[in-house]
Amino acid sequence: MPNPGNVAGGYKASLHNPNVSDEAKQHSKEVLEHEDFSRSPTHAKNPGNVAGGYKAALHNPHVSKETKKHDQEVLEELE
């Protein structure tokens, strides 16, 4: 399945391409106005990877105490 961000980028690029017809530019504009190019639920993030990222932040010396506290709370909610 195509990446929604890449699809939207293609439509945006066509709007600025001088070699694209006015009709195609109008179509691209309409698609961009009416379609939702956000990530679909079938492409949700892997919960194990999300938890792993929060756990890594807890052990990272460059992460602030406030952020570590938030990350710990998120991890508790994930469990």
Protein backbone atom coordinates (compact mmCIF):
# COMPACT_ATOMS: atom_id res chain seq x y z
CA MET A 1 0.00 0.00 0.00
CA PRO A 2 1.41 3.43 -0.89
CA ASN A 3 2.61 5.78 1.80
CA PRO A 4 -0.09 8.48 2.26
CA GLY A 5 2.57 11.16 2.69
CA ASN A 6 4.17 10.25 -0.61
CA VAL A 7 0.81 10.28 -2.37
CA ALA A 8 0.01 13.74 -1.01
CA GLY A 9 3.49 14.90 -2.00
CA GLY A 10 2.88 13.78 -5.56
CA TYR A 11 -0.33 15.77 -5.77
CA LYS A 12 1.40 18.82 -4.28
CA ALA A 13 4.26 18.52 -6.74
CA SER A 14 1.86 18.41 -9.67
CA LEU A 15 0.44 21.77 -8.60
CA HIS A 16 3.84 23.42 -9.10
CA ASN A 17 4.98 21.50 -12.18
CA PRO A 18 4.77 23.64 -15.34
CA ASN A 19 4.46 20.50 -17.49
CA VAL A 20 1.17 19.47 -15.84
CA SER A 21 -2.09 20.54 -17.51
CA ASP A 22 -4.51 22.91 -15.82
CA GLU A 23 -7.08 20.10 -15.64
CA ALA A 24 -4.63 17.82 -13.83
CA LYS A 25 -3.68 20.63 -11.46
CA GLN A 26 -7.35 21.22 -10.68
CA HIS A 27 -7.82 17.51 -10.01
CA SER A 28 -4.79 17.47 -7.69
CA LYS A 29 -6.12 20.50 -5.83
CA GLU A 30 -9.53 18.84 -5.35
CA VAL A 31 -7.97 15.59 -4.14
CA LEU A 32 -5.78 17.45 -1.63
CA GLU A 33 -8.81 19.37 -0.32
CA HIS A 34 -11.05 16.32 0.09
CA GLU A 35 -8.80 13.37 0.95
CA ASP A 36 -7.30 12.56 4.33
CA PHE A 37 -3.67 11.62 3.85
CA SER A 38 -2.97 10.85 7.48
CA ARG A 39 -1.80 7.40 8.49
CA SER A 40 -4.58 4.84 8.35
CA PRO A 41 -5.36 2.62 11.37
CA THR A 42 -3.93 -0.37 9.51
CA HIS A 43 -0.54 1.32 9.75
CA ALA A 44 -0.62 1.85 13.51
CA LYS A 45 2.66 1.86 15.34
CA ASN A 46 3.93 -1.37 16.84
CA PRO A 47 3.15 -1.18 20.59
CA GLY A 48 6.35 -3.04 21.44
CA ASN A 49 8.44 -0.53 19.55
CA VAL A 50 6.59 2.39 21.16
CA ALA A 51 7.19 0.98 24.64
CA GLY A 52 10.82 0.33 23.75
CA GLY A 53 11.27 3.96 22.76
CA TYR A 54 9.88 5.17 26.07
CA LYS A 55 12.06 2.70 27.98
CA ALA A 56 15.13 3.88 26.10
CA ALA A 57 14.31 7.49 26.96
CA LEU A 58 14.19 6.57 30.65
CA HIS A 59 17.82 5.44 30.46
CA ASN A 60 19.05 8.26 28.24
CA PRO A 61 21.12 10.81 30.22
CA HIS A 62 20.19 13.56 27.74
CA VAL A 63 16.46 13.33 28.51
CA SER A 64 15.09 15.74 31.13
CA LYS A 65 13.60 14.55 34.42
CA GLU A 66 10.22 15.96 33.42
CA THR A 67 10.24 14.00 30.18
CA LYS A 68 11.33 10.84 31.98
CA LYS A 69 8.43 11.25 34.40
CA HIS A 70 6.01 11.64 31.49
CA ASP A 71 7.50 8.64 29.70
CA GLN A 72 7.14 6.52 32.85
CA GLU A 73 3.46 7.49 33.08
CA VAL A 74 2.91 6.58 29.44
CA LEU A 75 4.60 3.21 29.97
CA GLU A 76 2.32 2.48 32.92
CA GLU A 77 -0.72 3.28 30.75
CA LEU A 78 0.55 0.97 28.00
CA GLU A 79 0.79 -1.97 30.38
